[in-house]
Amino acid sequence: MMPKWQKLQKGNPCKMRYHNITKDDMLNGDGLRAVLWVAGCTHKCKGCHNPVTWDIEGGIPFDEAAKEELFEALKPDYITGVTFSGGDPLHPANHAEVAVLAKEIRETFPEKTIWLYTGFCWDEIKTLDVVKYCDVIVDGPFVQEEFDGKLHWKGSKNQRVIDVQETLRGNEIVLHEF
């Protein structure tokens, strides 16, 4: 069976687009983080906290200046890592560029962690190149009926906070400890 992300229309006439780079974020992963909010999401979850990011042509192009801003945000020792969110970083128009960016971040800042939020489920994305660079992936669509404000790093009970490297080593899903 073909993964859902492969069934979606591939490509985009412009480079990856983004809405914001948040600095010193405490809500989207362990510690203080830089967060890249990409444009483009096909899930369109009811109750989404960020529907402005759904439009793949929204926001602005992720250009060299944006990349420099993100890398500068990652330089301080007190920054734990980067989080890719959106929108969906694994949207077909985004995942290849996010993979290149994640690889470069891993090489430049090996001590930083890489988190990624996606509406796709693990089985749909586990073979994507970007996965091997991530430390944690929060998978699954937001389901408003399963919302619980007390959950750590996820919005609904169906979502999982996956320890990617342990999951890849053992070939079974291991949840991130916190």
N, C-alpha and C. Protein backbone atom coordinates (compact mmCIF):
# COMPACT_ATOMS: atom_id res chain seq x y z
N MET A 1 0.85 -1.19 0.00
CA MET A 1 0.00 0.00 0.00
C MET A 1 0.89 1.25 0.00
N MET A 2 0.58 2.19 -0.87
CA MET A 2 1.36 3.41 -0.99
C MET A 2 1.06 4.34 0.19
N PRO A 3 2.14 4.88 0.86
CA PRO A 3 1.91 5.81 1.96
C PRO A 3 1.10 7.02 1.50
N LYS A 4 0.30 7.55 2.42
CA LYS A 4 -0.57 8.69 2.13
C LYS A 4 0.22 9.87 1.56
N TRP A 5 1.42 10.13 2.11
CA TRP A 5 2.17 11.30 1.66
C TRP A 5 2.59 11.17 0.21
N GLN A 6 2.79 9.93 -0.29
CA GLN A 6 3.16 9.75 -1.69
C GLN A 6 1.98 9.97 -2.63
N LYS A 7 0.77 9.78 -2.12
CA LYS A 7 -0.42 9.96 -2.94
C LYS A 7 -0.73 11.44 -3.19
N LEU A 8 -0.19 12.31 -2.33
CA LEU A 8 -0.47 13.73 -2.47
C LEU A 8 0.30 14.30 -3.65
N GLN A 9 -0.21 15.38 -4.18
CA GLN A 9 0.46 16.02 -5.31
C GLN A 9 1.86 16.43 -4.90
N LYS A 10 2.83 16.04 -5.69
CA LYS A 10 4.21 16.36 -5.37
C LYS A 10 4.61 17.67 -6.03
N GLY A 11 5.55 18.32 -5.40
CA GLY A 11 6.11 19.51 -5.99
C GLY A 11 5.38 20.78 -5.62
N ASN A 12 6.02 21.85 -5.90
CA ASN A 12 5.52 23.17 -5.58
C ASN A 12 6.35 24.12 -6.44
N PRO A 13 5.74 25.07 -7.12
CA PRO A 13 6.50 25.95 -8.00
C PRO A 13 7.53 26.80 -7.24
N CYS A 14 7.40 26.92 -5.95
CA CYS A 14 8.38 27.71 -5.19
C CYS A 14 9.10 26.80 -4.20
N LYS A 15 10.19 27.32 -3.64
CA LYS A 15 10.89 26.59 -2.59
C LYS A 15 9.98 26.46 -1.37
N MET A 16 10.48 25.70 -0.41
CA MET A 16 9.74 25.58 0.85
C MET A 16 9.46 26.98 1.40
N ARG A 17 8.31 27.12 1.97
CA ARG A 17 7.91 28.40 2.54
C ARG A 17 7.72 28.22 4.04
N TYR A 18 7.79 29.33 4.75
CA TYR A 18 7.63 29.26 6.20
C TYR A 18 6.91 30.50 6.71
N HIS A 19 6.40 30.40 7.93
CA HIS A 19 5.67 31.52 8.53
C HIS A 19 6.47 32.24 9.60
N ASN A 20 7.31 31.49 10.33
CA ASN A 20 8.02 32.12 11.43
C ASN A 20 9.17 31.24 11.90
N ILE A 21 10.13 31.88 12.52
CA ILE A 21 11.16 31.19 13.28
C ILE A 21 11.03 31.71 14.70
N THR A 22 10.63 30.84 15.61
CA THR A 22 10.46 31.21 17.01
C THR A 22 11.76 30.91 17.74
N LYS A 23 12.18 31.85 18.55
CA LYS A 23 13.39 31.67 19.34
C LYS A 23 13.02 31.50 20.81
N ASP A 24 13.81 30.73 21.54
CA ASP A 24 13.61 30.51 22.98
C ASP A 24 12.23 29.95 23.28
N ASP A 25 11.78 29.00 22.49
CA ASP A 25 10.47 28.37 22.65
C ASP A 25 10.57 27.25 23.69
N MET A 26 9.59 27.19 24.59
CA MET A 26 9.57 26.16 25.64
C MET A 26 8.43 25.16 25.46
N LEU A 27 7.63 25.31 24.43
CA LEU A 27 6.41 24.51 24.31
C LEU A 27 6.49 23.39 23.29
N ASN A 28 7.52 23.35 22.48
CA ASN A 28 7.57 22.42 21.36
C ASN A 28 8.77 21.48 21.43
N GLY A 29 8.97 20.89 22.61
CA GLY A 29 10.05 19.96 22.83
C GLY A 29 10.82 20.27 24.09
N ASP A 30 11.80 19.41 24.39
CA ASP A 30 12.65 19.57 25.57
C ASP A 30 13.41 20.88 25.55
N GLY A 31 13.49 21.54 26.70
CA GLY A 31 14.34 22.71 26.86
C GLY A 31 13.90 23.91 26.05
N LEU A 32 14.83 24.83 25.86
CA LEU A 32 14.58 26.01 25.01
C LEU A 32 14.99 25.66 23.59
N ARG A 33 14.12 26.02 22.64
CA ARG A 33 14.32 25.57 21.27
C ARG A 33 14.10 26.70 20.28
N ALA A 34 14.64 26.51 19.09
CA ALA A 34 14.28 27.32 17.93
C ALA A 34 13.24 26.49 17.16
N VAL A 35 12.19 27.14 16.70
CA VAL A 35 11.14 26.42 15.97
C VAL A 35 10.95 27.04 14.60
N LEU A 36 11.00 26.19 13.58
CA LEU A 36 10.72 26.61 12.22
C LEU A 36 9.30 26.18 11.88
N TRP A 37 8.44 27.16 11.62
CA TRP A 37 7.03 26.92 11.29
C TRP A 37 6.88 26.95 9.77
N VAL A 38 6.82 25.79 9.15
CA VAL A 38 6.74 25.72 7.69
C VAL A 38 5.30 25.89 7.20
N ALA A 39 5.16 26.24 5.94
CA ALA A 39 3.85 26.38 5.31
C ALA A 39 3.50 25.08 4.61
N GLY A 40 2.23 24.74 4.64
CA GLY A 40 1.72 23.59 3.91
C GLY A 40 1.28 22.46 4.79
N CYS A 41 -0.01 22.17 4.76
CA CYS A 41 -0.54 21.03 5.51
C CYS A 41 -1.81 20.55 4.82
N THR A 42 -1.85 19.26 4.54
CA THR A 42 -3.03 18.68 3.90
C THR A 42 -3.99 18.06 4.91
N HIS A 43 -3.57 17.93 6.15
CA HIS A 43 -4.40 17.26 7.16
C HIS A 43 -5.60 18.12 7.56
N LYS A 44 -5.37 19.41 7.72
CA LYS A 44 -6.43 20.36 8.07
C LYS A 44 -7.28 19.87 9.24
N CYS A 45 -6.61 19.54 10.32
CA CYS A 45 -7.27 18.99 11.50
C CYS A 45 -8.25 19.98 12.12
N LYS A 46 -9.42 19.49 12.45
CA LYS A 46 -10.42 20.30 13.16
C LYS A 46 -9.82 20.72 14.50
N GLY A 47 -9.85 22.02 14.78
CA GLY A 47 -9.32 22.53 16.04
C GLY A 47 -7.82 22.81 16.01
N CYS A 48 -7.21 22.73 14.85
CA CYS A 48 -5.77 22.99 14.71
C CYS A 48 -5.43 24.35 15.34
N HIS A 49 -4.30 24.40 16.05
CA HIS A 49 -3.89 25.66 16.69
C HIS A 49 -3.19 26.60 15.72
N ASN A 50 -2.94 26.15 14.48
CA ASN A 50 -2.18 26.97 13.55
C ASN A 50 -2.68 26.86 12.10
N PRO A 51 -3.96 27.05 11.86
CA PRO A 51 -4.49 26.87 10.50
C PRO A 51 -3.93 27.85 9.47
N VAL A 52 -3.37 28.95 9.91
CA VAL A 52 -2.79 29.91 8.96
C VAL A 52 -1.65 29.26 8.17
N THR A 53 -1.08 28.18 8.68
CA THR A 53 0.06 27.53 8.02
C THR A 53 -0.36 26.46 7.00
N TRP A 54 -1.62 26.22 6.81
CA TRP A 54 -2.08 25.16 5.92
C TRP A 54 -1.74 25.41 4.45
N ASP A 55 -1.83 26.64 4.01
CA ASP A 55 -1.64 26.98 2.60
C ASP A 55 -0.17 26.80 2.21
N ILE A 56 0.10 25.91 1.27
CA ILE A 56 1.47 25.63 0.84
C ILE A 56 2.14 26.86 0.23
N GLU A 57 1.38 27.79 -0.26
CA GLU A 57 1.94 29.00 -0.84
C GLU A 57 1.84 30.20 0.10
N GLY A 58 1.47 29.93 1.36
CA GLY A 58 1.42 30.99 2.36
C GLY A 58 2.82 31.30 2.89
N GLY A 59 2.89 32.26 3.77
CA GLY A 59 4.17 32.61 4.36
C GLY A 59 5.13 33.21 3.35
N ILE A 60 6.41 33.00 3.58
CA ILE A 60 7.44 33.55 2.71
C ILE A 60 8.45 32.44 2.37
N PRO A 61 9.19 32.60 1.26
CA PRO A 61 10.16 31.56 0.89
C PRO A 61 11.24 31.38 1.96
N PHE A 62 11.60 30.13 2.20
CA PHE A 62 12.70 29.83 3.11
C PHE A 62 13.99 29.99 2.31
N ASP A 63 14.58 31.18 2.43
CA ASP A 63 15.76 31.52 1.65
C ASP A 63 17.02 31.47 2.52
N GLU A 64 18.12 31.88 1.96
CA GLU A 64 19.40 31.84 2.68
C GLU A 64 19.36 32.70 3.94
N ALA A 65 18.67 33.84 3.88
CA ALA A 65 18.57 34.71 5.06
C ALA A 65 17.79 34.02 6.18
N ALA A 66 16.74 33.29 5.82
CA ALA A 66 15.96 32.55 6.83
C ALA A 66 16.81 31.44 7.44
N LYS A 67 17.56 30.77 6.60
CA LYS A 67 18.45 29.71 7.10
C LYS A 67 19.48 30.29 8.07
N GLU A 68 20.07 31.41 7.72
CA GLU A 68 21.04 32.06 8.60
C GLU A 68 20.39 32.45 9.93
N GLU A 69 19.16 32.95 9.87
CA GLU A 69 18.44 33.32 11.09
C GLU A 69 18.23 32.09 11.98
N LEU A 70 17.84 30.98 11.38
CA LEU A 70 17.62 29.75 12.13
C LEU A 70 18.92 29.27 12.76
N PHE A 71 20.01 29.26 12.00
CA PHE A 71 21.29 28.80 12.51
C PHE A 71 21.82 29.72 13.62
N GLU A 72 21.59 31.01 13.49
CA GLU A 72 21.97 31.94 14.56
C GLU A 72 21.18 31.66 15.83
N ALA A 73 19.90 31.33 15.67
CA ALA A 73 19.05 31.02 16.82
C ALA A 73 19.51 29.74 17.53
N LEU A 74 20.19 28.86 16.82
CA LEU A 74 20.66 27.60 17.39
C LEU A 74 22.03 27.71 18.07
N LYS A 75 22.75 28.79 17.84
CA LYS A 75 24.12 28.92 18.36
C LYS A 75 24.25 28.98 19.88
N PRO A 76 23.39 29.68 20.60
CA PRO A 76 23.61 29.78 22.05
C PRO A 76 23.61 28.40 22.74
N ASP A 77 24.49 28.25 23.72
CA ASP A 77 24.59 26.99 24.45
C ASP A 77 23.29 26.61 25.15
N TYR A 78 22.51 27.61 25.56
CA TYR A 78 21.28 27.31 26.29
C TYR A 78 20.15 26.80 25.38
N ILE A 79 20.33 26.87 24.08
CA ILE A 79 19.32 26.34 23.15
C ILE A 79 19.55 24.84 22.99
N THR A 80 18.52 24.06 23.30
CA THR A 80 18.61 22.60 23.30
C THR A 80 18.57 22.03 21.88
N GLY A 81 17.82 22.70 20.99
CA GLY A 81 17.73 22.17 19.64
C GLY A 81 16.71 22.90 18.80
N VAL A 82 16.34 22.25 17.71
CA VAL A 82 15.40 22.81 16.74
C VAL A 82 14.16 21.92 16.69
N THR A 83 13.03 22.55 16.44
CA THR A 83 11.78 21.83 16.20
C THR A 83 11.22 22.28 14.86
N PHE A 84 10.87 21.32 14.02
CA PHE A 84 10.17 21.60 12.77
C PHE A 84 8.69 21.39 13.01
N SER A 85 7.90 22.41 12.71
CA SER A 85 6.45 22.32 12.90
C SER A 85 5.78 23.07 11.77
N GLY A 86 4.54 23.38 11.91
CA GLY A 86 3.88 24.10 10.83
C GLY A 86 2.40 24.25 11.06
N GLY A 87 1.77 24.06 9.94
CA GLY A 87 1.95 23.31 8.74
C GLY A 87 2.47 21.91 9.07
N ASP A 88 2.93 21.26 8.04
CA ASP A 88 3.51 19.93 8.22
C ASP A 88 4.86 19.88 7.51
N PRO A 89 5.95 19.72 8.27
CA PRO A 89 7.27 19.63 7.65
C PRO A 89 7.39 18.45 6.67
N LEU A 90 6.50 17.47 6.78
CA LEU A 90 6.56 16.31 5.89
C LEU A 90 5.57 16.38 4.74
N HIS A 91 4.97 17.54 4.54
CA HIS A 91 4.16 17.77 3.35
C HIS A 91 5.05 17.44 2.15
N PRO A 92 4.51 16.85 1.09
CA PRO A 92 5.34 16.47 -0.06
C PRO A 92 6.21 17.60 -0.62
N ALA A 93 5.76 18.83 -0.50
CA ALA A 93 6.56 19.95 -1.01
C ALA A 93 7.64 20.38 -0.02
N ASN A 94 7.63 19.81 1.19
CA ASN A 94 8.58 20.23 2.23
C ASN A 94 9.61 19.18 2.62
N HIS A 95 9.23 17.91 2.62
CA HIS A 95 10.05 16.93 3.31
C HIS A 95 11.48 16.81 2.77
N ALA A 96 11.70 16.99 1.48
CA ALA A 96 13.06 16.88 0.95
C ALA A 96 13.93 18.03 1.46
N GLU A 97 13.40 19.25 1.45
CA GLU A 97 14.16 20.40 1.94
C GLU A 97 14.36 20.34 3.44
N VAL A 98 13.36 19.85 4.16
CA VAL A 98 13.51 19.69 5.61
C VAL A 98 14.60 18.66 5.90
N ALA A 99 14.68 17.60 5.10
CA ALA A 99 15.72 16.59 5.29
C ALA A 99 17.11 17.18 5.10
N VAL A 100 17.30 17.97 4.06
CA VAL A 100 18.60 18.62 3.81
C VAL A 100 18.94 19.55 4.97
N LEU A 101 17.96 20.30 5.41
CA LEU A 101 18.17 21.24 6.52
C LEU A 101 18.49 20.49 7.82
N ALA A 102 17.75 19.43 8.10
CA ALA A 102 17.99 18.63 9.31
C ALA A 102 19.39 18.02 9.29
N LYS A 103 19.81 17.54 8.14
CA LYS A 103 21.15 16.96 7.99
C LYS A 103 22.22 18.01 8.29
N GLU A 104 22.04 19.20 7.74
CA GLU A 104 23.01 20.26 7.97
C GLU A 104 23.02 20.71 9.43
N ILE A 105 21.86 20.76 10.05
CA ILE A 105 21.80 21.11 11.48
C ILE A 105 22.50 20.04 12.30
N ARG A 106 22.25 18.78 11.99
CA ARG A 106 22.89 17.66 12.71
C ARG A 106 24.42 17.76 12.59
N GLU A 107 24.92 18.09 11.40
CA GLU A 107 26.36 18.19 11.17
C GLU A 107 26.96 19.42 11.85
N THR A 108 26.25 20.54 11.83
CA THR A 108 26.75 21.80 12.37
C THR A 108 26.61 21.86 13.89
N PHE A 109 25.53 21.30 14.39
CA PHE A 109 25.23 21.35 15.83
C PHE A 109 24.95 19.94 16.36
N PRO A 110 25.96 19.08 16.39
CA PRO A 110 25.71 17.68 16.77
C PRO A 110 25.16 17.50 18.19
N GLU A 111 25.36 18.49 19.05
CA GLU A 111 24.88 18.39 20.43
C GLU A 111 23.41 18.81 20.58
N LYS A 112 22.83 19.38 19.54
CA LYS A 112 21.43 19.84 19.59
C LYS A 112 20.49 18.71 19.17
N THR A 113 19.29 18.72 19.73
CA THR A 113 18.30 17.72 19.34
C THR A 113 17.39 18.27 18.25
N ILE A 114 16.86 17.35 17.46
CA ILE A 114 15.96 17.71 16.37
C ILE A 114 14.62 17.04 16.62
N TRP A 115 13.59 17.86 16.78
CA TRP A 115 12.22 17.39 16.94
C TRP A 115 11.44 17.75 15.68
N LEU A 116 10.43 16.96 15.37
CA LEU A 116 9.59 17.22 14.21
C LEU A 116 8.15 16.82 14.53
N TYR A 117 7.23 17.72 14.24
CA TYR A 117 5.79 17.46 14.39
C TYR A 117 5.19 17.19 13.02
N THR A 118 4.41 16.12 12.91
CA THR A 118 3.75 15.80 11.65
C THR A 118 2.37 15.20 11.90
N GLY A 119 1.47 15.44 10.99
CA GLY A 119 0.15 14.81 11.04
C GLY A 119 0.15 13.41 10.46
N PHE A 120 1.26 13.02 9.82
CA PHE A 120 1.37 11.66 9.31
C PHE A 120 1.73 10.72 10.45
N CYS A 121 1.39 9.45 10.30
CA CYS A 121 1.73 8.44 11.30
C CYS A 121 3.05 7.77 10.95
N TRP A 122 3.71 7.23 11.95
CA TRP A 122 5.03 6.64 11.82
C TRP A 122 5.16 5.71 10.62
N ASP A 123 4.22 4.80 10.46
CA ASP A 123 4.32 3.83 9.37
C ASP A 123 4.30 4.49 8.00
N GLU A 124 3.74 5.68 7.89
CA GLU A 124 3.70 6.40 6.62
C GLU A 124 5.01 7.13 6.32
N ILE A 125 5.78 7.43 7.33
CA ILE A 125 6.94 8.31 7.15
C ILE A 125 8.28 7.69 7.54
N LYS A 126 8.27 6.52 8.12
CA LYS A 126 9.50 5.96 8.72
C LYS A 126 10.63 5.74 7.72
N THR A 127 10.34 5.69 6.43
CA THR A 127 11.39 5.48 5.44
C THR A 127 11.87 6.79 4.79
N LEU A 128 11.28 7.92 5.15
CA LEU A 128 11.73 9.20 4.61
C LEU A 128 13.13 9.53 5.12
N ASP A 129 13.93 10.15 4.28
CA ASP A 129 15.31 10.48 4.61
C ASP A 129 15.41 11.34 5.87
N VAL A 130 14.50 12.26 6.06
CA VAL A 130 14.57 13.19 7.19
C VAL A 130 14.50 12.46 8.53
N VAL A 131 13.85 11.33 8.58
CA VAL A 131 13.63 10.62 9.84
C VAL A 131 14.95 10.29 10.54
N LYS A 132 15.95 9.87 9.80
CA LYS A 132 17.21 9.45 10.42
C LYS A 132 17.95 10.58 11.12
N TYR A 133 17.60 11.82 10.83
CA TYR A 133 18.24 12.97 11.47
C TYR A 133 17.49 13.44 12.71
N CYS A 134 16.31 12.92 12.93
CA CYS A 134 15.46 13.38 14.04
C CYS A 134 15.73 12.58 15.31
N ASP A 135 15.61 13.27 16.43
CA ASP A 135 15.68 12.61 17.74
C ASP A 135 14.28 12.24 18.20
N VAL A 136 13.33 13.12 17.95
CA VAL A 136 11.94 12.90 18.37
C VAL A 136 11.01 13.32 17.25
N ILE A 137 10.01 12.49 17.00
CA ILE A 137 8.92 12.85 16.09
C ILE A 137 7.60 12.70 16.85
N VAL A 138 6.80 13.75 16.79
CA VAL A 138 5.44 13.68 17.32
C VAL A 138 4.56 13.40 16.12
N ASP A 139 3.95 12.21 16.09
CA ASP A 139 3.22 11.78 14.89
C ASP A 139 1.72 11.78 15.11
N GLY A 140 1.01 11.79 13.99
CA GLY A 140 -0.44 11.65 14.00
C GLY A 140 -1.17 12.98 13.94
N PRO A 141 -2.35 12.95 13.34
CA PRO A 141 -3.14 14.17 13.25
C PRO A 141 -3.68 14.58 14.62
N PHE A 142 -3.93 15.87 14.79
CA PHE A 142 -4.61 16.34 15.99
C PHE A 142 -6.07 15.95 15.88
N VAL A 143 -6.59 15.31 16.91
CA VAL A 143 -8.00 14.91 16.96
C VAL A 143 -8.64 15.69 18.11
N GLN A 144 -9.49 16.65 17.76
CA GLN A 144 -10.07 17.54 18.76
C GLN A 144 -10.80 16.78 19.86
N GLU A 145 -11.48 15.69 19.50
CA GLU A 145 -12.23 14.91 20.49
C GLU A 145 -11.31 14.21 21.49
N GLU A 146 -10.02 14.10 21.16
CA GLU A 146 -9.06 13.47 22.05
C GLU A 146 -8.10 14.48 22.67
N PHE A 147 -8.46 15.76 22.59
CA PHE A 147 -7.63 16.82 23.17
C PHE A 147 -7.54 16.65 24.68
N ASP A 148 -6.33 16.89 25.20
CA ASP A 148 -6.10 16.90 26.64
C ASP A 148 -4.99 17.91 26.90
N GLY A 149 -5.32 19.00 27.52
CA GLY A 149 -4.36 20.08 27.79
C GLY A 149 -3.24 19.69 28.74
N LYS A 150 -3.35 18.54 29.37
CA LYS A 150 -2.31 18.10 30.31
C LYS A 150 -1.24 17.24 29.65
N LEU A 151 -1.41 16.94 28.38
CA LEU A 151 -0.44 16.09 27.68
C LEU A 151 0.85 16.87 27.41
N HIS A 152 1.99 16.19 27.52
CA HIS A 152 3.28 16.82 27.22
C HIS A 152 3.57 16.71 25.73
N TRP A 153 3.83 17.84 25.11
CA TRP A 153 4.33 17.95 23.74
C TRP A 153 3.42 17.39 22.67
N LYS A 154 2.17 17.20 22.98
CA LYS A 154 1.20 16.77 21.97
C LYS A 154 -0.15 17.31 22.37
N GLY A 155 -1.06 17.38 21.40
CA GLY A 155 -2.35 17.98 21.67
C GLY A 155 -3.46 16.99 21.91
N SER A 156 -3.35 15.80 21.33
CA SER A 156 -4.42 14.81 21.50
C SER A 156 -3.84 13.44 21.83
N LYS A 157 -4.66 12.64 22.47
CA LYS A 157 -4.21 11.34 23.00
C LYS A 157 -3.73 10.37 21.93
N ASN A 158 -4.20 10.51 20.71
CA ASN A 158 -3.78 9.60 19.63
C ASN A 158 -2.35 9.85 19.16
N GLN A 159 -1.84 11.03 19.41
CA GLN A 159 -0.49 11.37 18.95
C GLN A 159 0.55 10.70 19.84
N ARG A 160 1.72 10.43 19.24
CA ARG A 160 2.79 9.79 19.99
C ARG A 160 4.05 10.64 19.92
N VAL A 161 4.79 10.68 21.02
CA VAL A 161 6.07 11.37 21.10
C VAL A 161 7.12 10.27 21.00
N ILE A 162 7.65 10.06 19.79
CA ILE A 162 8.47 8.90 19.47
C ILE A 162 9.96 9.21 19.59
N ASP A 163 10.67 8.35 20.31
CA ASP A 163 12.13 8.40 20.36
C ASP A 163 12.60 7.74 19.06
N VAL A 164 12.97 8.55 18.11
CA VAL A 164 13.25 8.06 16.76
C VAL A 164 14.45 7.12 16.71
N GLN A 165 15.55 7.51 17.32
CA GLN A 165 16.75 6.69 17.21
C GLN A 165 16.56 5.32 17.87
N GLU A 166 15.91 5.27 19.02
CA GLU A 166 15.63 3.98 19.68
C GLU A 166 14.65 3.16 18.84
N THR A 167 13.69 3.83 18.25
CA THR A 167 12.71 3.14 17.40
C THR A 167 13.39 2.53 16.18
N LEU A 168 14.28 3.28 15.56
CA LEU A 168 14.99 2.76 14.39
C LEU A 168 15.91 1.58 14.77
N ARG A 169 16.56 1.68 15.93
CA ARG A 169 17.46 0.60 16.37
C ARG A 169 16.69 -0.69 16.64
N GLY A 170 15.54 -0.58 17.29
CA GLY A 170 14.79 -1.77 17.69
C GLY A 170 13.70 -2.19 16.73
N ASN A 171 13.45 -1.36 15.72
CA ASN A 171 12.40 -1.64 14.73
C ASN A 171 11.02 -1.82 15.35
N GLU A 172 10.81 -1.14 16.49
CA GLU A 172 9.47 -1.04 17.09
C GLU A 172 9.39 0.30 17.80
N ILE A 173 8.22 0.87 17.85
CA ILE A 173 8.06 2.22 18.37
C ILE A 173 8.41 2.28 19.86
N VAL A 174 9.32 3.21 20.17
CA VAL A 174 9.72 3.50 21.55
C VAL A 174 9.33 4.94 21.81
N LEU A 175 8.56 5.16 22.86
CA LEU A 175 8.12 6.51 23.18
C LEU A 175 9.22 7.26 23.93
N HIS A 176 9.29 8.56 23.68
CA HIS A 176 10.27 9.43 24.32
C HIS A 176 9.94 9.56 25.81
N GLU A 177 10.94 9.39 26.63
CA GLU A 177 10.78 9.53 28.08
C GLU A 177 10.91 11.00 28.46
N PHE A 178 10.04 11.46 29.37
CA PHE A 178 10.19 12.83 29.88
C PHE A 178 9.84 12.88 31.33
